[in-house]
Amino acid sequence: MKTNVCLLLGTLLATAAVAQVNTNKLPEIPAPATAAPVIAPAAVVVPATNAPVTAKKKAVVHKKKAAPLPKLTEPSVTLNPGPATVGSDNLNLRGQAGLKGEVVGHLKKGDAVTVISQINLDKHAAGEPAQWAKVLLPGDTKGWINAHFVDASNNVVSSKKLNLRAGPSENYSVIGLLQKGETFTPLTVKGDWIEIEAPKTAFAFVAAMYLKQEAAPAPVVTEPPAAPVTTNIVAEAAPIVTTPPAPEPTPAPTPAPATAIVDTNTPAAAVVDTNLPPPPPRVVTHEGYVRHSTSIVAPTAYELYDPTSGNAINYLLSSTTNLDISRYSGLQIVVTGEEGMHERWADTPVITVQKIYVLSTNKPASDNKRAVSPRERSNEPLRSPHSH
């Protein structure tokens, strides 16, 4: 286009020059302009550079948010330990109570299960059941145990307790427990884990609303057997006797009992209820020193005494062979125990030791006083084990 314009402009300028030289001649008609050849556009050469080729931007895909679970209408269920029946067409057995528990098996409508207990979740997601039943696993269910805690030579558990898991990793739920010495049947091995047949005590969890239990049967009332029907033939009635029977003898009159003379001035005797429970044991705490008893009628070899008066407080009695009272001889102690009178010497108090606390290991300064046993205390009243 630019070339055509240039040719046309040059022709006009030449014509104007001729016209100025010879004005008597008409201007010649210019030859038709020849169309310029079409020049193909030159190829654009992109200089080579070391810059990396920029990758095309990926289209941004906006993921749709998962639709919330529909609101679950869950009826209130109360399951008792015992048999139950599946009421859903397809019910998942899970390793934990809740939808987060992995599926370890499936049940069909009409399958029988044994309920161990019912678990109610305090917190659960929307659309997730809150009531779950812990049930025994069916007999064909498998489980996994760690090979480090078994004796593979005889397939026996060697640790004290071994968890049975739903898969070959500690990330799987525990669905059972094996005790030490329990045998198992291995099926496959995967690394450090062995797949075995699950024991009869293995368990899983199902939504409680899909189980049905029959109502407990009413107690059967056993009625006494009916009296047997007599089939014997009754004999004919005896003929009527017109002779009057002999009169029955008139019983002798019973003499009236003599009236007891009651002395209204005598106080009524107190009614003693012999069914009363025995009084509670008297537990006391005494402080004193321990010494070897010198009395020939002492019920025990050691006694607790008061160093000020030299009198014995209690004879020390041990109800167990683990307590050696001789170890405390000469020590100041505080003793707690059940106090009572000795069964052989009714006026001799003894204390059955329950606790001993050592206060001092020094011998008292007034230890030279003669020991006086409780039996020798003529001026002191005898103590009863239940006196206060």
Foldseek 3Di string as FASTA:
>chain_A
DVVVVVVVVVVVVVQVVVCVVDVPDDGDDDDDDDDDDDDDDDDDDDDDDPDDDDDDDDDDDDDDDDDDADADDFDDDDDDFFKWFFQAQKWFWFLDQKPPGDGQDIDGGGDMWTFPHKAAAPDHDGPMFRIKTKTWDDQQTKWKWFQVQADVVQQFGADQKTFTFSDDDPVGHTFDMDGGGDHWAFDDDDVRMTMTGDDRRGITMTRRRRIGDDDDDDDDDDDDDDDDDDPDDDDDDDDDDPDDDDDDDDDDDDDDDDDDDDDPVDDDDDDDDPPDDDDDFQKDKDKAAKAADPDPPDPDGIFGAHLVQLETDAAEAEPDPVDDCVVRHQFIKIFIFTWAADPVGRQHIHGHTDDIGTDGNDHDPSNPDHYDGSVRCPVDDGDGSPDD
